[in-house]
PDB file of N, CA and C in Angstrom:
ATOM      1  N   PHE A   1     -93.701 -14.062   0.960  1.00  0.00           N
ATOM      2  CA  PHE A   1     -94.352 -13.035   0.179  1.00  0.00           C
ATOM      3  C   PHE A   1     -93.317 -12.115  -0.451  1.00  0.00           C
ATOM      4  N   LYS A   2     -93.662 -11.521  -1.550  1.00  0.00           N
ATOM      5  CA  LYS A   2     -92.744 -10.631  -2.234  1.00  0.00           C
ATOM      6  C   LYS A   2     -92.472  -9.372  -1.430  1.00  0.00           C
ATOM      7  N   THR A   3     -93.375  -9.023  -0.527  1.00  0.00           N
ATOM      8  CA  THR A   3     -93.155  -7.832   0.290  1.00  0.00           C
ATOM      9  C   THR A   3     -91.928  -8.003   1.168  1.00  0.00           C
ATOM     10  N   GLU A   4     -91.698  -9.220   1.649  1.00  0.00           N
ATOM     11  CA  GLU A   4     -90.520  -9.482   2.470  1.00  0.00           C
ATOM     12  C   GLU A   4     -89.254  -9.363   1.636  1.00  0.00           C
ATOM     13  N   GLU A   5     -89.307  -9.851   0.394  1.00  0.00           N
ATOM     14  CA  GLU A   5     -88.163  -9.751  -0.497  1.00  0.00           C
ATOM     15  C   GLU A   5     -87.839  -8.297  -0.813  1.00  0.00           C
ATOM     16  N   ALA A   6     -88.847  -7.452  -0.821  1.00  0.00           N
ATOM     17  CA  ALA A   6     -88.652  -6.035  -1.106  1.00  0.00           C
ATOM     18  C   ALA A   6     -88.237  -5.254   0.137  1.00  0.00           C
ATOM     19  N   GLY A   7     -88.157  -5.941   1.270  1.00  0.00           N
ATOM     20  CA  GLY A   7     -87.764  -5.281   2.500  1.00  0.00           C
ATOM     21  C   GLY A   7     -88.911  -4.630   3.245  1.00  0.00           C
ATOM     22  N   LEU A   8     -90.141  -4.932   2.861  1.00  0.00           N
ATOM     23  CA  LEU A   8     -91.309  -4.378   3.545  1.00  0.00           C
ATOM     24  C   LEU A   8     -91.736  -5.316   4.658  1.00  0.00           C
ATOM     25  N   ASN A   9     -92.111  -4.761   5.779  1.00  0.00           N
ATOM     26  CA  ASN A   9     -92.558  -5.567   6.907  1.00  0.00           C
ATOM     27  C   ASN A   9     -94.078  -5.501   6.990  1.00  0.00           C
ATOM     28  N   VAL A  10     -94.732  -6.640   6.744  1.00  0.00           N
ATOM     29  CA  VAL A  10     -96.189  -6.710   6.799  1.00  0.00           C
ATOM     30  C   VAL A  10     -96.566  -7.590   7.981  1.00  0.00           C
ATOM     31  N   SER A  11     -97.415  -7.078   8.842  1.00  0.00           N
ATOM     32  CA  SER A  11     -97.818  -7.826  10.033  1.00  0.00           C
ATOM     33  C   SER A  11     -98.746  -8.971   9.663  1.00  0.00           C
ATOM     34  N   ASP A  12     -98.873  -9.935  10.589  1.00  0.00           N
ATOM     35  CA  ASP A  12     -99.819 -11.031  10.399  1.00  0.00           C
ATOM     36  C   ASP A  12    -101.227 -10.484  10.189  1.00  0.00           C
ATOM     37  N   GLN A  13    -101.594  -9.464  10.948  1.00  0.00           N
ATOM     38  CA  GLN A  13    -102.930  -8.896  10.829  1.00  0.00           C
ATOM     39  C   GLN A  13    -103.160  -8.308   9.437  1.00  0.00           C
ATOM     40  N   GLY A  14    -102.138  -7.708   8.854  1.00  0.00           N
ATOM     41  CA  GLY A  14    -102.254  -7.171   7.500  1.00  0.00           C
ATOM     42  C   GLY A  14    -102.463  -8.267   6.470  1.00  0.00           C
ATOM     43  N   ILE A  15    -101.724  -9.350   6.616  1.00  0.00           N
ATOM     44  CA  ILE A  15    -101.869 -10.486   5.701  1.00  0.00           C
ATOM     45  C   ILE A  15    -103.234 -11.135   5.886  1.00  0.00           C
ATOM     46  N   ILE A  16    -103.653 -11.288   7.138  1.00  0.00           N
ATOM     47  CA  ILE A  16    -104.972 -11.870   7.430  1.00  0.00           C
ATOM     48  C   ILE A  16    -106.069 -11.033   6.783  1.00  0.00           C
ATOM     49  N   LEU A  17    -105.952  -9.731   6.876  1.00  0.00           N
ATOM     50  CA  LEU A  17    -106.947  -8.834   6.290  1.00  0.00           C
ATOM     51  C   LEU A  17    -107.037  -9.032   4.781  1.00  0.00           C
ATOM     52  N   VAL A  18    -105.899  -9.092   4.123  1.00  0.00           N
ATOM     53  CA  VAL A  18    -105.883  -9.276   2.671  1.00  0.00           C
ATOM     54  C   VAL A  18    -106.499 -10.617   2.287  1.00  0.00           C
ATOM     55  N   ILE A  19    -106.137 -11.667   3.012  1.00  0.00           N
ATOM     56  CA  ILE A  19    -106.665 -13.003   2.708  1.00  0.00           C
ATOM     57  C   ILE A  19    -108.177 -13.044   2.896  1.00  0.00           C
ATOM     58  N   THR A  20    -108.651 -12.563   4.033  1.00  0.00           N
ATOM     59  CA  THR A  20    -110.080 -12.683   4.337  1.00  0.00           C
ATOM     60  C   THR A  20    -110.952 -11.791   3.453  1.00  0.00           C
ATOM     61  N   LEU A  21    -110.435 -10.659   3.011  1.00  0.00           N
ATOM     62  CA  LEU A  21    -111.221  -9.786   2.134  1.00  0.00           C
ATOM     63  C   LEU A  21    -111.461 -10.417   0.765  1.00  0.00           C
ATOM     64  N   GLY A  22    -110.601 -11.347   0.377  1.00  0.00           N
ATOM     65  CA  GLY A  22    -110.746 -11.977  -0.927  1.00  0.00           C
ATOM     66  C   GLY A  22    -111.563 -13.255  -0.928  1.00  0.00           C
ATOM     67  N   LEU A  23    -112.101 -13.637   0.219  1.00  0.00           N
ATOM     68  CA  LEU A  23    -112.846 -14.896   0.298  1.00  0.00           C
ATOM     69  C   LEU A  23    -114.306 -14.718  -0.117  1.00  0.00           C
ATOM     70  N   PRO A  24    -114.913 -15.790  -0.639  1.00  0.00           N
ATOM     71  CA  PRO A  24    -116.334 -15.717  -1.007  1.00  0.00           C
ATOM     72  C   PRO A  24    -117.228 -15.640   0.229  1.00  0.00           C
ATOM     73  N   PRO A  25    -118.498 -15.282   0.051  1.00  0.00           N
ATOM     74  CA  PRO A  25    -119.434 -15.131   1.176  1.00  0.00           C
ATOM     75  C   PRO A  25    -119.607 -16.383   2.032  1.00  0.00           C
ATOM     76  N   SER A  26    -119.328 -17.552   1.496  1.00  0.00           N
ATOM     77  CA  SER A  26    -119.504 -18.784   2.273  1.00  0.00           C
ATOM     78  C   SER A  26    -118.568 -18.852   3.481  1.00  0.00           C
ATOM     79  N   TYR A  27    -117.566 -17.990   3.530  1.00  0.00           N
ATOM     80  CA  TYR A  27    -116.633 -17.965   4.658  1.00  0.00           C
ATOM     81  C   TYR A  27    -117.003 -16.918   5.705  1.00  0.00           C
ATOM     82  N   ALA A  28    -118.133 -16.260   5.550  1.00  0.00           N
ATOM     83  CA  ALA A  28    -118.526 -15.168   6.450  1.00  0.00           C
ATOM     84  C   ALA A  28    -118.584 -15.603   7.906  1.00  0.00           C
ATOM     85  N   THR A  29    -119.081 -16.804   8.173  1.00  0.00           N
ATOM     86  CA  THR A  29    -119.207 -17.268   9.559  1.00  0.00           C
ATOM     87  C   THR A  29    -117.848 -17.431  10.219  1.00  0.00           C
ATOM     88  N   VAL A  30    -116.931 -18.099   9.534  1.00  0.00           N
ATOM     89  CA  VAL A  30    -115.610 -18.315  10.135  1.00  0.00           C
ATOM     90  C   VAL A  30    -114.857 -16.993  10.273  1.00  0.00           C
ATOM     91  N   ILE A  31    -115.030 -16.094   9.319  1.00  0.00           N
ATOM     92  CA  ILE A  31    -114.375 -14.787   9.413  1.00  0.00           C
ATOM     93  C   ILE A  31    -114.936 -14.002  10.595  1.00  0.00           C
ATOM     94  N   SER A  32    -116.244 -14.059  10.795  1.00  0.00           N
ATOM     95  CA  SER A  32    -116.858 -13.380  11.947  1.00  0.00           C
ATOM     96  C   SER A  32    -116.349 -13.939  13.262  1.00  0.00           C
ATOM     97  N   SER A  33    -116.076 -15.232  13.286  1.00  0.00           N
ATOM     98  CA  SER A  33    -115.593 -15.847  14.527  1.00  0.00           C
ATOM     99  C   SER A  33    -114.221 -15.317  14.936  1.00  0.00           C
ATOM    100  N   PHE A  34    -113.461 -14.777  13.987  1.00  0.00           N
ATOM    101  CA  PHE A  34    -112.143 -14.228  14.318  1.00  0.00           C
ATOM    102  C   PHE A  34    -112.261 -13.019  15.244  1.00  0.00           C
ATOM    103  N   ASN A  35    -113.413 -12.351  15.246  1.00  0.00           N
ATOM    104  CA  ASN A  35    -113.625 -11.195  16.128  1.00  0.00           C
ATOM    105  C   ASN A  35    -113.650 -11.590  17.595  1.00  0.00           C
ATOM    106  N   THR A  36    -113.914 -12.854  17.886  1.00  0.00           N
ATOM    107  CA  THR A  36    -113.989 -13.310  19.276  1.00  0.00           C
ATOM    108  C   THR A  36    -112.677 -13.907  19.773  1.00  0.00           C
ATOM    109  N   VAL A  37    -111.676 -13.944  18.915  1.00  0.00           N
ATOM    110  CA  VAL A  37    -110.392 -14.560  19.264  1.00  0.00           C
ATOM    111  C   VAL A  37    -109.455 -13.495  19.823  1.00  0.00           C
ATOM    112  N   ALA A  38    -108.755 -13.844  20.889  1.00  0.00           N
ATOM    113  CA  ALA A  38    -107.799 -12.915  21.501  1.00  0.00           C
ATOM    114  C   ALA A  38    -106.702 -12.558  20.499  1.00  0.00           C
ATOM    115  N   ALA A  39    -106.225 -11.339  20.577  1.00  0.00           N
ATOM    116  CA  ALA A  39    -105.231 -10.836  19.629  1.00  0.00           C
ATOM    117  C   ALA A  39    -103.950 -11.662  19.625  1.00  0.00           C
ATOM    118  N   ASP A  40    -103.560 -12.201  20.794  1.00  0.00           N
ATOM    119  CA  ASP A  40    -102.324 -12.987  20.845  1.00  0.00           C
ATOM    120  C   ASP A  40    -102.489 -14.372  20.221  1.00  0.00           C
ATOM    121  N   VAL A  41    -103.725 -14.791  19.984  1.00  0.00           N
ATOM    122  CA  VAL A  41    -104.004 -16.084  19.344  1.00  0.00           C
ATOM    123  C   VAL A  41    -104.249 -15.902  17.846  1.00  0.00           C
ATOM    124  N   LEU A  42    -104.761 -14.750  17.466  1.00  0.00           N
ATOM    125  CA  LEU A  42    -105.128 -14.483  16.077  1.00  0.00           C
ATOM    126  C   LEU A  42    -103.875 -14.200  15.244  1.00  0.00           C
ATOM    127  N   MET A  43    -103.192 -15.270  14.907  1.00  0.00           N
ATOM    128  CA  MET A  43    -101.985 -15.191  14.094  1.00  0.00           C
ATOM    129  C   MET A  43    -102.254 -15.864  12.755  1.00  0.00           C
ATOM    130  N   LEU A  44    -101.367 -15.675  11.809  1.00  0.00           N
ATOM    131  CA  LEU A  44    -101.554 -16.195  10.461  1.00  0.00           C
ATOM    132  C   LEU A  44    -101.744 -17.712  10.450  1.00  0.00           C
ATOM    133  N   ASP A  45    -100.970 -18.444  11.238  1.00  0.00           N
ATOM    134  CA  ASP A  45    -101.115 -19.905  11.284  1.00  0.00           C
ATOM    135  C   ASP A  45    -102.498 -20.304  11.778  1.00  0.00           C
ATOM    136  N   TYR A  46    -102.978 -19.634  12.809  1.00  0.00           N
ATOM    137  CA  TYR A  46    -104.300 -19.929  13.364  1.00  0.00           C
ATOM    138  C   TYR A  46    -105.386 -19.687  12.314  1.00  0.00           C
ATOM    139  N   VAL A  47    -105.331 -18.533  11.658  1.00  0.00           N
ATOM    140  CA  VAL A  47    -106.343 -18.183  10.661  1.00  0.00           C
ATOM    141  C   VAL A  47    -106.289 -19.156   9.484  1.00  0.00           C
ATOM    142  N   THR A  48    -105.095 -19.477   9.033  1.00  0.00           N
ATOM    143  CA  THR A  48    -104.949 -20.424   7.926  1.00  0.00           C
ATOM    144  C   THR A  48    -105.572 -21.763   8.275  1.00  0.00           C
ATOM    145  N   ASN A  49    -105.287 -22.271   9.466  1.00  0.00           N
ATOM    146  CA  ASN A  49    -105.857 -23.551   9.889  1.00  0.00           C
ATOM    147  C   ASN A  49    -107.378 -23.491   9.963  1.00  0.00           C
ATOM    148  N   GLN A  50    -107.916 -22.402  10.505  1.00  0.00           N
ATOM    149  CA  GLN A  50    -109.368 -22.267  10.613  1.00  0.00           C
ATOM    150  C   GLN A  50    -110.027 -22.205   9.232  1.00  0.00           C
ATOM    151  N   LEU A  51    -109.405 -21.473   8.319  1.00  0.00           N
ATOM    152  CA  LEU A  51    -109.958 -21.368   6.969  1.00  0.00           C
ATOM    153  C   LEU A  51    -109.899 -22.706   6.235  1.00  0.00           C
ATOM    154  N   LEU A  52    -108.800 -23.426   6.405  1.00  0.00           N
ATOM    155  CA  LEU A  52    -108.695 -24.747   5.773  1.00  0.00           C
ATOM    156  C   LEU A  52    -109.709 -25.717   6.355  1.00  0.00           C
ATOM    157  N   ASN A  53    -109.889 -25.684   7.678  1.00  0.00           N
ATOM    158  CA  ASN A  53    -110.894 -26.546   8.316  1.00  0.00           C
ATOM    159  C   ASN A  53    -112.290 -26.219   7.797  1.00  0.00           C
ATOM    160  N   ASP A  54    -112.588 -24.934   7.648  1.00  0.00           N
ATOM    161  CA  ASP A  54    -113.894 -24.523   7.144  1.00  0.00           C
ATOM    162  C   ASP A  54    -114.077 -24.963   5.692  1.00  0.00           C
ATOM    163  N   GLU A  55    -113.026 -24.856   4.909  1.00  0.00           N
ATOM    164  CA  GLU A  55    -113.111 -25.293   3.512  1.00  0.00           C
ATOM    165  C   GLU A  55    -113.404 -26.788   3.425  1.00  0.00           C
ATOM    166  N   VAL A  56    -112.716 -27.584   4.243  1.00  0.00           N
ATOM    167  CA  VAL A  56    -112.947 -29.031   4.264  1.00  0.00           C
ATOM    168  C   VAL A  56    -114.390 -29.326   4.665  1.00  0.00           C
ATOM    169  N   ALA A  57    -114.886 -28.628   5.678  1.00  0.00           N
ATOM    170  CA  ALA A  57    -116.267 -28.831   6.127  1.00  0.00           C
ATOM    171  C   ALA A  57    -117.264 -28.455   5.032  1.00  0.00           C
ATOM    172  N   GLN A  58    -117.016 -27.355   4.337  1.00  0.00           N
ATOM    173  CA  GLN A  58    -117.908 -26.936   3.255  1.00  0.00           C
ATOM    174  C   GLN A  58    -117.920 -27.958   2.123  1.00  0.00           C
ATOM    175  N   LEU A  59    -116.739 -28.450   1.763  1.00  0.00           N
ATOM    176  CA  LEU A  59    -116.659 -29.433   0.681  1.00  0.00           C
ATOM    177  C   LEU A  59    -117.307 -30.750   1.081  1.00  0.00           C
ATOM    178  N   ALA A  60    -117.115 -31.167   2.334  1.00  0.00           N
ATOM    179  CA  ALA A  60    -117.689 -32.432   2.813  1.00  0.00           C
ATOM    180  C   ALA A  60    -119.210 -32.373   2.867  1.00  0.00           C
ATOM    181  N   SER A  61    -119.741 -31.209   3.218  1.00  0.00           N
ATOM    182  CA  SER A  61    -121.196 -31.074   3.327  1.00  0.00           C
ATOM    183  C   SER A  61    -121.854 -30.828   1.976  1.00  0.00           C
ATOM    184  N   GLY A  62    -121.050 -30.556   0.979  1.00  0.00           N
ATOM    185  CA  GLY A  62    -121.599 -30.276  -0.345  1.00  0.00           C
ATOM    186  C   GLY A  62    -122.143 -28.875  -0.491  1.00  0.00           C
ATOM    187  N   SER A  63    -121.945 -28.047   0.531  1.00  0.00           N
ATOM    188  CA  SER A  63    -122.467 -26.681   0.473  1.00  0.00           C
ATOM    189  C   SER A  63    -121.591 -25.761  -0.366  1.00  0.00           C
ATOM    190  N   SER A  64    -120.434 -26.264  -0.750  1.00  0.00           N
ATOM    191  CA  SER A  64    -119.520 -25.449  -1.535  1.00  0.00           C
ATOM    192  C   SER A  64    -118.791 -26.346  -2.518  1.00  0.00           C
ATOM    193  N   LYS A  65    -118.408 -25.768  -3.626  1.00  0.00           N
ATOM    194  CA  LYS A  65    -117.610 -26.476  -4.615  1.00  0.00           C
ATOM    195  C   LYS A  65    -116.275 -25.760  -4.709  1.00  0.00           C
ATOM    196  N   PRO A  66    -115.216 -26.482  -5.067  1.00  0.00           N
ATOM    197  CA  PRO A  66    -113.928 -25.810  -5.227  1.00  0.00           C
ATOM    198  C   PRO A  66    -114.050 -24.653  -6.211  1.00  0.00           C
ATOM    199  N   THR A  67    -113.447 -23.555  -5.865  1.00  0.00           N
ATOM    200  CA  THR A  67    -113.537 -22.358  -6.683  1.00  0.00           C
ATOM    201  C   THR A  67    -112.329 -22.262  -7.597  1.00  0.00           C
ATOM    202  N   THR A  68    -112.576 -21.967  -8.855  1.00  0.00           N
ATOM    203  CA  THR A  68    -111.492 -21.739  -9.793  1.00  0.00           C
ATOM    204  C   THR A  68    -111.215 -20.249  -9.815  1.00  0.00           C
ATOM    205  N   VAL A  69    -109.970 -19.906  -9.619  1.00  0.00           N
ATOM    206  CA  VAL A  69    -109.580 -18.507  -9.615  1.00  0.00           C
ATOM    207  C   VAL A  69    -108.892 -18.203 -10.931  1.00  0.00           C
ATOM    208  N   GLU A  70    -109.371 -17.183 -11.612  1.00  0.00           N
ATOM    209  CA  GLU A  70    -108.759 -16.787 -12.865  1.00  0.00           C
ATOM    210  C   GLU A  70    -107.783 -15.659 -12.592  1.00  0.00           C
ATOM    211  N   CYS A  71    -106.631 -15.746 -13.238  1.00  0.00           N
ATOM    212  CA  CYS A  71    -105.645 -14.685 -13.077  1.00  0.00           C
ATOM    213  C   CYS A  71    -104.896 -14.513 -14.385  1.00  0.00           C
ATOM    214  N   GLU A  72    -104.343 -13.342 -14.537  1.00  0.00           N
ATOM    215  CA  GLU A  72    -103.483 -13.105 -15.680  1.00  0.00           C
ATOM    216  C   GLU A  72    -102.071 -13.400 -15.224  1.00  0.00           C
ATOM    217  N   CYS A  73    -101.468 -14.395 -15.862  1.00  0.00           N
ATOM    218  CA  CYS A  73    -100.114 -14.751 -15.474  1.00  0.00           C
ATOM    219  C   CYS A  73     -99.350 -15.213 -16.699  1.00  0.00           C
ATOM    220  N   ASP A  74     -98.084 -15.311 -16.547  1.00  0.00           N
ATOM    221  CA  ASP A  74     -97.209 -15.733 -17.622  1.00  0.00           C
ATOM    222  C   ASP A  74     -97.347 -17.234 -17.831  1.00  0.00           C
ATOM    223  N   ALA A  75     -97.783 -17.649 -18.998  1.00  0.00           N
ATOM    224  CA  ALA A  75     -97.987 -19.069 -19.280  1.00  0.00           C
ATOM    225  C   ALA A  75     -96.675 -19.840 -19.261  1.00  0.00           C
ATOM    226  N   LYS A  76     -95.559 -19.145 -19.332  1.00  0.00           N
ATOM    227  CA  LYS A  76     -94.258 -19.809 -19.319  1.00  0.00           C
ATOM    228  C   LYS A  76     -93.754 -20.054 -17.902  1.00  0.00           C
ATOM    229  N   ASP A  77     -94.498 -19.626 -16.904  1.00  0.00           N
ATOM    230  CA  ASP A  77     -94.086 -19.778 -15.512  1.00  0.00           C
ATOM    231  C   ASP A  77     -94.076 -21.254 -15.139  1.00  0.00           C
ATOM    232  N   SER A  78     -92.897 -21.819 -14.929  1.00  0.00           N
ATOM    233  CA  SER A  78     -92.783 -23.254 -14.657  1.00  0.00           C
ATOM    234  C   SER A  78     -93.432 -23.642 -13.338  1.00  0.00           C
ATOM    235  N   ALA A  79     -93.490 -22.735 -12.374  1.00  0.00           N
ATOM    236  CA  ALA A  79     -94.138 -23.056 -11.099  1.00  0.00           C
ATOM    237  C   ALA A  79     -95.627 -23.275 -11.310  1.00  0.00           C
ATOM    238  N   LEU A  80     -96.232 -22.469 -12.175  1.00  0.00           N
ATOM    239  CA  LEU A  80     -97.651 -22.636 -12.456  1.00  0.00           C
ATOM    240  C   LEU A  80     -97.897 -23.894 -13.276  1.00  0.00           C
ATOM    241  N   THR A  81     -96.991 -24.221 -14.155  1.00  0.00           N
ATOM    242  CA  THR A  81     -97.123 -25.436 -14.953  1.00  0.00           C
ATOM    243  C   THR A  81     -97.021 -26.661 -14.059  1.00  0.00           C
ATOM    244  N   ALA A  82     -96.097 -26.646 -13.120  1.00  0.00           N
ATOM    245  CA  ALA A  82     -95.889 -27.798 -12.240  1.00  0.00           C
ATOM    246  C   ALA A  82     -97.050 -27.991 -11.284  1.00  0.00           C
ATOM    247  N   ALA A  83     -97.779 -26.936 -10.995  1.00  0.00           N
ATOM    248  CA  ALA A  83     -98.866 -27.023 -10.027  1.00  0.00           C
ATOM    249  C   ALA A  83    -100.232 -26.953 -10.704  1.00  0.00           C
ATOM    250  N   ALA A  84    -100.349 -27.549 -11.867  1.00  0.00           N
ATOM    251  CA  ALA A  84    -101.611 -27.505 -12.604  1.00  0.00           C
ATOM    252  C   ALA A  84    -102.731 -28.130 -11.790  1.00  0.00           C
ATOM    253  N   PRO A  85    -103.918 -27.491 -11.754  1.00  0.00           N
ATOM    254  CA  PRO A  85    -105.015 -27.978 -10.917  1.00  0.00           C
ATOM    255  C   PRO A  85    -105.594 -29.322 -11.352  1.00  0.00           C
ATOM    256  N   ASP A  86    -105.356 -29.734 -12.599  1.00  0.00           N
ATOM    257  CA  ASP A  86    -105.914 -31.009 -13.048  1.00  0.00           C
ATOM    258  C   ASP A  86    -105.029 -32.192 -12.675  1.00  0.00           C
ATOM    259  N   GLY A  87    -103.953 -31.945 -11.940  1.00  0.00           N
ATOM    260  CA  GLY A  87    -103.089 -33.023 -11.476  1.00  0.00           C
ATOM    261  C   GLY A  87    -101.933 -33.323 -12.410  1.00  0.00           C
ATOM    262  N   THR A  88    -101.942 -32.754 -13.607  1.00  0.00           N
ATOM    263  CA  THR A  88    -100.828 -32.982 -14.514  1.00  0.00           C
ATOM    264  C   THR A  88     -99.646 -32.148 -14.058  1.00  0.00           C
ATOM    265  N   ARG A  89     -98.485 -32.520 -14.517  1.00  0.00           N
ATOM    266  CA  ARG A  89     -97.296 -31.823 -14.055  1.00  0.00           C
ATOM    267  C   ARG A  89     -96.605 -31.070 -15.174  1.00  0.00           C
ATOM    268  N   GLY A  90     -97.306 -30.792 -16.230  1.00  0.00           N
ATOM    269  CA  GLY A  90     -96.739 -30.010 -17.312  1.00  0.00           C
ATOM    270  C   GLY A  90     -95.964 -30.861 -18.292  1.00  0.00           C
ATOM    271  N   PRO A  91     -95.520 -30.251 -19.386  1.00  0.00           N
ATOM    272  CA  PRO A  91     -94.775 -30.992 -20.396  1.00  0.00           C
ATOM    273  C   PRO A  91     -93.476 -31.555 -19.834  1.00  0.00           C
ATOM    274  N   ALA A  92     -93.183 -32.793 -20.187  1.00  0.00           N
ATOM    275  CA  ALA A  92     -91.992 -33.458 -19.649  1.00  0.00           C
ATOM    276  C   ALA A  92     -90.711 -32.752 -20.048  1.00  0.00           C
ATOM    277  N   VAL A  93     -90.682 -32.126 -21.211  1.00  0.00           N
ATOM    278  CA  VAL A  93     -89.459 -31.469 -21.650  1.00  0.00           C
ATOM    279  C   VAL A  93     -89.097 -30.291 -20.757  1.00  0.00           C
ATOM    280  N   LYS A  94     -90.079 -29.684 -20.094  1.00  0.00           N
ATOM    281  CA  LYS A  94     -89.802 -28.546 -19.225  1.00  0.00           C
ATOM    282  C   LYS A  94     -89.445 -28.970 -17.804  1.00  0.00           C
ATOM    283  N   ARG A  95     -89.585 -30.244 -17.498  1.00  0.00           N
ATOM    284  CA  ARG A  95     -89.302 -30.723 -16.149  1.00  0.00           C
ATOM    285  C   ARG A  95     -87.792 -30.834 -15.943  1.00  0.00           C
ATOM    286  N   THR A  96     -87.336 -30.408 -14.783  1.00  0.00           N
ATOM    287  CA  THR A  96     -85.931 -30.555 -14.430  1.00  0.00           C
ATOM    288  C   THR A  96     -85.845 -31.183 -13.056  1.00  0.00           C
ATOM    289  N   CYS A  97     -85.109 -32.259 -12.954  1.00  0.00           N
ATOM    290  CA  CYS A  97     -84.939 -32.969 -11.695  1.00  0.00           C
ATOM    291  C   CYS A  97     -83.932 -32.227 -10.827  1.00  0.00           C
ATOM    292  N   PHE A  98     -84.295 -31.981  -9.566  1.00  0.00           N
ATOM    293  CA  PHE A  98     -83.381 -31.315  -8.651  1.00  0.00           C
ATOM    294  C   PHE A  98     -82.417 -32.295  -7.999  1.00  0.00           C
ATOM    295  N   PHE A  99     -82.526 -33.582  -8.337  1.00  0.00           N
ATOM    296  CA  PHE A  99     -81.603 -34.590  -7.804  1.00  0.00           C
ATOM    297  C   PHE A  99     -80.457 -34.818  -8.784  1.00  0.00           C
ATOM    298  N   CYS A 100     -80.792 -35.133 -10.049  1.00  0.00           N
ATOM    299  CA  CYS A 100     -79.756 -35.444 -11.038  1.00  0.00           C
ATOM    300  C   CYS A 100     -79.545 -34.312 -12.044  1.00  0.00           C
ATOM    301  N   ASN A 101     -80.388 -33.280 -11.988  1.00  0.00           N
ATOM    302  CA  ASN A 101     -80.328 -32.119 -12.883  1.00  0.00           C
ATOM    303  C   ASN A 101     -80.587 -32.447 -14.348  1.00  0.00           C
ATOM    304  N   LYS A 102     -81.200 -33.587 -14.618  1.00  0.00           N
ATOM    305  CA  LYS A 102     -81.557 -33.943 -15.988  1.00  0.00           C
ATOM    306  C   LYS A 102     -82.987 -33.490 -16.257  1.00  0.00           C
ATOM    307  N   HIS A 103     -83.286 -33.325 -17.537  1.00  0.00           N
ATOM    308  CA  HIS A 103     -84.617 -32.874 -17.942  1.00  0.00           C
ATOM    309  C   HIS A 103     -85.529 -34.065 -18.200  1.00  0.00           C
ATOM    310  N   GLY A 104     -86.833 -33.834 -18.047  1.00  0.00           N
ATOM    311  CA  GLY A 104     -87.824 -34.841 -18.385  1.00  0.00           C
ATOM    312  C   GLY A 104     -88.537 -35.464 -17.205  1.00  0.00           C
ATOM    313  N   HIS A 105     -88.108 -35.166 -15.978  1.00  0.00           N
ATOM    314  CA  HIS A 105     -88.776 -35.706 -14.789  1.00  0.00           C
ATOM    315  C   HIS A 105     -88.469 -34.823 -13.587  1.00  0.00           C
ATOM    316  N   PHE A 106     -89.218 -35.053 -12.503  1.00  0.00           N
ATOM    317  CA  PHE A 106     -88.986 -34.356 -11.247  1.00  0.00           C
ATOM    318  C   PHE A 106     -88.238 -35.264 -10.284  1.00  0.00           C
ATOM    319  N   LYS A 107     -87.764 -34.690  -9.195  1.00  0.00           N
ATOM    320  CA  LYS A 107     -86.980 -35.425  -8.214  1.00  0.00           C
ATOM    321  C   LYS A 107     -87.712 -36.650  -7.687  1.00  0.00           C
ATOM    322  N   ASP A 108     -89.014 -36.526  -7.394  1.00  0.00           N
ATOM    323  CA  ASP A 108     -89.752 -37.662  -6.840  1.00  0.00           C
ATOM    324  C   ASP A 108     -89.938 -38.791  -7.851  1.00  0.00           C
ATOM    325  N   GLU A 109     -89.645 -38.524  -9.131  1.00  0.00           N
ATOM    326  CA  GLU A 109     -89.745 -39.537 -10.179  1.00  0.00           C
ATOM    327  C   GLU A 109     -88.368 -39.977 -10.666  1.00  0.00           C
ATOM    328  N   CYS A 110     -87.300 -39.507 -10.025  1.00  0.00           N
ATOM    329  CA  CYS A 110     -85.936 -39.725 -10.505  1.00  0.00           C
ATOM    330  C   CYS A 110     -85.529 -41.196 -10.423  1.00  0.00           C
ATOM    331  N   PRO A 111     -85.083 -41.767 -11.542  1.00  0.00           N
ATOM    332  CA  PRO A 111     -84.634 -43.159 -11.537  1.00  0.00           C
ATOM    333  C   PRO A 111     -83.277 -43.341 -10.855  1.00  0.00           C
ATOM    334  N   GLU A 112     -82.553 -42.257 -10.629  1.00  0.00           N
ATOM    335  CA  GLU A 112     -81.225 -42.347 -10.023  1.00  0.00           C
ATOM    336  C   GLU A 112     -81.249 -42.289  -8.500  1.00  0.00           C
ATOM    337  N   GLN A 113     -82.443 -42.145  -7.917  1.00  0.00           N
ATOM    338  CA  GLN A 113     -82.526 -42.070  -6.450  1.00  0.00           C
ATOM    339  C   GLN A 113     -82.379 -43.433  -5.847  1.00  0.00           C
TER     340      GLN A 113
END
């Protein structure tokens, strides 16, 4: 998180609070279940796993559809381009291989490997 880069110390509970407050109502049951978990168990990894498990269950049952989140961001951000939700990896000219440092492909597609 950027807070760590800025030298701010944010507890797991603080991060958990921010994450859970931003979830849709379909997660209310799993969030309520966190109240019954001992404080020494209620860590970020535990909450993340529980939320992911709940998301998988919701998607499998058809009770929920993947949510598209809209945000204002820089369209030139290569990280966002590389992680496009439709599975594309962005324009080939912007791709840089971390193996050979050439443009046009990523490391997992590198012909020099």
